[in-house]
Amino acid sequence: MLNRSFHLEIRTPEQLIYEGDVTSINAPGVEGNFQILAGHIPFLTALEVGEIRIRESETPQLMATSGGVFEVLRTGVTVLVEAAEWASEIDVERAESALDRAQAQLSANAPDLNRPRAEAALARAQNRIKVASNL
């Protein structure tokens, strides 16, 4: 089977996270997970909290993301995310602490609780732990 590649860039507001040629990328779209291969038609979609899986060769690289925008053009793919972290760089203890804090805030249900923010923090922490465990 011929493994064609395409150019991929993954950026946060602060930095370029990844740039290179890949054979596929899987991402967490708001309508569900999807995969892009070389020659895909152009499109634009929003991403949610989840795992991005990049394949340059046989071994995929995993990263946790907190959502963003995914654009496919004929010239390549650009992923703009709020935050991204390679699975191998995730501090699991820190993610577990963030998970505990978010769960405590949600269970306390204080009148001044910003519920959407606490739920988003919970989802990000759960995702970071899940992605780190997929190594």
C-alpha atoms as a PDB file:
ATOM      1  CA  MET A   1       0.000   0.000   0.000  1.00  0.00           C
ATOM      2  CA  LEU A   2       1.251   3.455  -0.910  1.00  0.00           C
ATOM      3  CA  ASN A   3       1.588   5.736   2.122  1.00  0.00           C
ATOM      4  CA  ARG A   4       1.096   9.242   0.770  1.00  0.00           C
ATOM      5  CA  SER A   5       1.785  12.104   3.118  1.00  0.00           C
ATOM      6  CA  PHE A   6       0.617  15.681   3.593  1.00  0.00           C
ATOM      7  CA  HIS A   7       1.905  18.705   5.490  1.00  0.00           C
ATOM      8  CA  LEU A   8       0.577  19.282   9.027  1.00  0.00           C
ATOM      9  CA  GLU A   9       0.947  22.207  11.415  1.00  0.00           C
ATOM     10  CA  ILE A  10      -0.401  22.262  14.961  1.00  0.00           C
ATOM     11  CA  ARG A  11      -0.311  25.641  16.691  1.00  0.00           C
ATOM     12  CA  THR A  12      -1.394  27.166  19.981  1.00  0.00           C
ATOM     13  CA  PRO A  13      -1.608  30.945  20.503  1.00  0.00           C
ATOM     14  CA  GLU A  14       1.855  30.764  22.083  1.00  0.00           C
ATOM     15  CA  GLN A  15       3.822  28.423  19.822  1.00  0.00           C
ATOM     16  CA  LEU A  16       4.160  25.990  16.964  1.00  0.00           C
ATOM     17  CA  ILE A  17       3.667  22.541  18.537  1.00  0.00           C
ATOM     18  CA  TYR A  18       4.256  20.391  15.464  1.00  0.00           C
ATOM     19  CA  GLU A  19       5.201  20.823  11.824  1.00  0.00           C
ATOM     20  CA  GLY A  20       5.960  18.005   9.432  1.00  0.00           C
ATOM     21  CA  ASP A  21       4.694  15.532   6.883  1.00  0.00           C
ATOM     22  CA  VAL A  22       2.301  12.839   8.120  1.00  0.00           C
ATOM     23  CA  THR A  23       0.327   9.980   6.605  1.00  0.00           C
ATOM     24  CA  SER A  24      -2.753  10.528   8.794  1.00  0.00           C
ATOM     25  CA  ILE A  25      -4.205  12.485  11.676  1.00  0.00           C
ATOM     26  CA  ASN A  26      -7.139  11.583  13.921  1.00  0.00           C
ATOM     27  CA  ALA A  27      -8.850  14.382  15.814  1.00  0.00           C
ATOM     28  CA  PRO A  28     -11.821  14.973  18.159  1.00  0.00           C
ATOM     29  CA  GLY A  29     -14.364  16.954  16.147  1.00  0.00           C
ATOM     30  CA  VAL A  30     -17.466  18.405  17.734  1.00  0.00           C
ATOM     31  CA  GLU A  31     -19.503  16.003  15.567  1.00  0.00           C
ATOM     32  CA  GLY A  32     -17.296  13.046  16.541  1.00  0.00           C
ATOM     33  CA  ASN A  33     -13.782  11.758  15.943  1.00  0.00           C
ATOM     34  CA  PHE A  34     -12.472  11.803  12.388  1.00  0.00           C
ATOM     35  CA  GLN A  35      -9.387  10.867  10.366  1.00  0.00           C
ATOM     36  CA  ILE A  36      -7.659  12.737   7.558  1.00  0.00           C
ATOM     37  CA  LEU A  37      -5.525  11.059   4.888  1.00  0.00           C
ATOM     38  CA  ALA A  38      -3.655  12.595   1.940  1.00  0.00           C
ATOM     39  CA  GLY A  39      -5.962  13.930  -0.752  1.00  0.00           C
ATOM     40  CA  HIS A  40      -8.869  14.724   1.580  1.00  0.00           C
ATOM     41  CA  ILE A  41     -11.282  17.379   0.359  1.00  0.00           C
ATOM     42  CA  PRO A  42     -10.937  20.825   1.958  1.00  0.00           C
ATOM     43  CA  PHE A  43     -13.070  21.511   5.022  1.00  0.00           C
ATOM     44  CA  LEU A  44     -13.141  23.377   8.312  1.00  0.00           C
ATOM     45  CA  THR A  45     -14.449  22.092  11.635  1.00  0.00           C
ATOM     46  CA  ALA A  46     -14.301  22.812  15.355  1.00  0.00           C
ATOM     47  CA  LEU A  47     -12.469  20.519  17.767  1.00  0.00           C
ATOM     48  CA  GLU A  48     -13.431  19.608  21.285  1.00  0.00           C
ATOM     49  CA  VAL A  49     -11.387  18.330  24.218  1.00  0.00           C
ATOM     50  CA  GLY A  50      -9.785  15.050  23.212  1.00  0.00           C
ATOM     51  CA  GLU A  51      -6.855  13.176  21.732  1.00  0.00           C
ATOM     52  CA  ILE A  52      -5.022  14.004  18.522  1.00  0.00           C
ATOM     53  CA  ARG A  53      -3.227  11.038  16.969  1.00  0.00           C
ATOM     54  CA  ILE A  54      -0.544  11.786  14.355  1.00  0.00           C
ATOM     55  CA  ARG A  55       0.981   9.085  12.204  1.00  0.00           C
ATOM     56  CA  GLU A  56       4.303   9.788  10.478  1.00  0.00           C
ATOM     57  CA  SER A  57       5.355   6.157  10.390  1.00  0.00           C
ATOM     58  CA  GLU A  58       4.181   2.965  12.080  1.00  0.00           C
ATOM     59  CA  THR A  59       4.096   4.408  15.614  1.00  0.00           C
ATOM     60  CA  PRO A  60       1.491   7.118  16.233  1.00  0.00           C
ATOM     61  CA  GLN A  61       2.229  10.175  18.338  1.00  0.00           C
ATOM     62  CA  LEU A  62      -0.476  11.226  20.803  1.00  0.00           C
ATOM     63  CA  MET A  63      -1.345  14.606  22.216  1.00  0.00           C
ATOM     64  CA  ALA A  64      -4.069  15.950  24.484  1.00  0.00           C
ATOM     65  CA  THR A  65      -5.905  19.019  23.246  1.00  0.00           C
ATOM     66  CA  SER A  66      -8.481  21.320  24.781  1.00  0.00           C
ATOM     67  CA  GLY A  67     -10.297  22.190  21.575  1.00  0.00           C
ATOM     68  CA  GLY A  68      -9.832  24.522  18.659  1.00  0.00           C
ATOM     69  CA  VAL A  69     -10.195  24.669  14.880  1.00  0.00           C
ATOM     70  CA  PHE A  70      -9.134  22.133  12.232  1.00  0.00           C
ATOM     71  CA  GLU A  71      -8.663  23.203   8.599  1.00  0.00           C
ATOM     72  CA  VAL A  72      -7.918  20.984   5.611  1.00  0.00           C
ATOM     73  CA  LEU A  73      -6.704  22.699   2.441  1.00  0.00           C
ATOM     74  CA  ARG A  74      -5.191  21.247  -0.716  1.00  0.00           C
ATOM     75  CA  THR A  75      -1.803  22.483   0.537  1.00  0.00           C
ATOM     76  CA  GLY A  76      -2.046  20.719   3.919  1.00  0.00           C
ATOM     77  CA  VAL A  77      -3.709  20.699   7.309  1.00  0.00           C
ATOM     78  CA  THR A  78      -3.577  23.377   9.998  1.00  0.00           C
ATOM     79  CA  VAL A  79      -4.791  22.743  13.529  1.00  0.00           C
ATOM     80  CA  LEU A  80      -5.234  25.757  15.803  1.00  0.00           C
ATOM     81  CA  VAL A  81      -5.815  24.696  19.399  1.00  0.00           C
ATOM     82  CA  GLU A  82      -6.200  26.486  22.697  1.00  0.00           C
ATOM     83  CA  ALA A  83      -3.700  24.115  24.305  1.00  0.00           C
ATOM     84  CA  ALA A  84      -1.921  20.913  23.343  1.00  0.00           C
ATOM     85  CA  GLU A  85       0.387  18.587  25.216  1.00  0.00           C
ATOM     86  CA  TRP A  86       2.265  15.517  23.988  1.00  0.00           C
ATOM     87  CA  ALA A  87       1.251  12.382  25.888  1.00  0.00           C
ATOM     88  CA  SER A  88       4.838  11.768  26.997  1.00  0.00           C
ATOM     89  CA  GLU A  89       5.018  15.261  28.554  1.00  0.00           C
ATOM     90  CA  ILE A  90       1.805  15.096  30.588  1.00  0.00           C
ATOM     91  CA  ASP A  91       2.356  15.442  34.325  1.00  0.00           C
ATOM     92  CA  VAL A  92      -0.175  12.849  35.531  1.00  0.00           C
ATOM     93  CA  GLU A  93       0.060  13.935  39.188  1.00  0.00           C
ATOM     94  CA  ARG A  94      -0.759  17.518  38.201  1.00  0.00           C
ATOM     95  CA  ALA A  95      -3.643  16.323  36.027  1.00  0.00           C
ATOM     96  CA  GLU A  96      -4.991  14.207  38.899  1.00  0.00           C
ATOM     97  CA  SER A  97      -4.784  17.231  41.238  1.00  0.00           C
ATOM     98  CA  ALA A  98      -6.701  19.321  38.686  1.00  0.00           C
ATOM     99  CA  LEU A  99      -9.281  16.527  38.425  1.00  0.00           C
ATOM    100  CA  ASP A 100      -9.714  16.431  42.216  1.00  0.00           C
ATOM    101  CA  ARG A 101     -10.097  20.238  42.378  1.00  0.00           C
ATOM    102  CA  ALA A 102     -12.695  20.289  39.614  1.00  0.00           C
ATOM    103  CA  GLN A 103     -14.668  17.436  41.183  1.00  0.00           C
ATOM    104  CA  ALA A 104     -14.584  19.163  44.582  1.00  0.00           C
ATOM    105  CA  GLN A 105     -15.827  22.435  43.087  1.00  0.00           C
ATOM    106  CA  LEU A 106     -18.655  20.704  41.253  1.00  0.00           C
ATOM    107  CA  SER A 107     -19.738  18.637  44.256  1.00  0.00           C
ATOM    108  CA  ALA A 108     -19.641  21.661  46.600  1.00  0.00           C
ATOM    109  CA  ASN A 109     -22.033  23.465  44.244  1.00  0.00           C
ATOM    110  CA  ALA A 110     -21.312  26.873  45.814  1.00  0.00           C
ATOM    111  CA  PRO A 111     -23.639  29.713  44.749  1.00  0.00           C
ATOM    112  CA  ASP A 112     -20.749  31.580  43.071  1.00  0.00           C
ATOM    113  CA  LEU A 113     -19.562  28.479  41.166  1.00  0.00           C
ATOM    114  CA  ASN A 114     -18.846  29.032  37.498  1.00  0.00           C
ATOM    115  CA  ARG A 115     -20.241  25.632  36.471  1.00  0.00           C
ATOM    116  CA  PRO A 116     -19.206  25.723  32.765  1.00  0.00           C
ATOM    117  CA  ARG A 117     -15.648  26.615  33.727  1.00  0.00           C
ATOM    118  CA  ALA A 118     -15.463  23.850  36.354  1.00  0.00           C
ATOM    119  CA  GLU A 119     -16.931  21.302  33.925  1.00  0.00           C
ATOM    120  CA  ALA A 120     -14.399  22.334  31.267  1.00  0.00           C
ATOM    121  CA  ALA A 121     -11.548  21.943  33.787  1.00  0.00           C
ATOM    122  CA  LEU A 122     -12.877  18.488  34.698  1.00  0.00           C
ATOM    123  CA  ALA A 123     -13.022  17.437  31.016  1.00  0.00           C
ATOM    124  CA  ARG A 124      -9.475  18.691  30.353  1.00  0.00           C
ATOM    125  CA  ALA A 125      -8.064  16.869  33.383  1.00  0.00           C
ATOM    126  CA  GLN A 126      -9.854  13.623  32.481  1.00  0.00           C
ATOM    127  CA  ASN A 127      -8.579  13.889  28.913  1.00  0.00           C
ATOM    128  CA  ARG A 128      -4.958  14.501  29.972  1.00  0.00           C
ATOM    129  CA  ILE A 129      -5.049  11.433  32.228  1.00  0.00           C
ATOM    130  CA  LYS A 130      -6.617   9.300  29.486  1.00  0.00           C
ATOM    131  CA  VAL A 131      -4.111  10.397  26.826  1.00  0.00           C
ATOM    132  CA  ALA A 132      -1.157   9.816  29.155  1.00  0.00           C
ATOM    133  CA  SER A 133      -2.402   6.298  29.885  1.00  0.00           C
ATOM    134  CA  ASN A 134      -2.550   5.460  26.143  1.00  0.00           C
ATOM    135  CA  LEU A 135       1.254   5.549  25.818  1.00  0.00           C
END
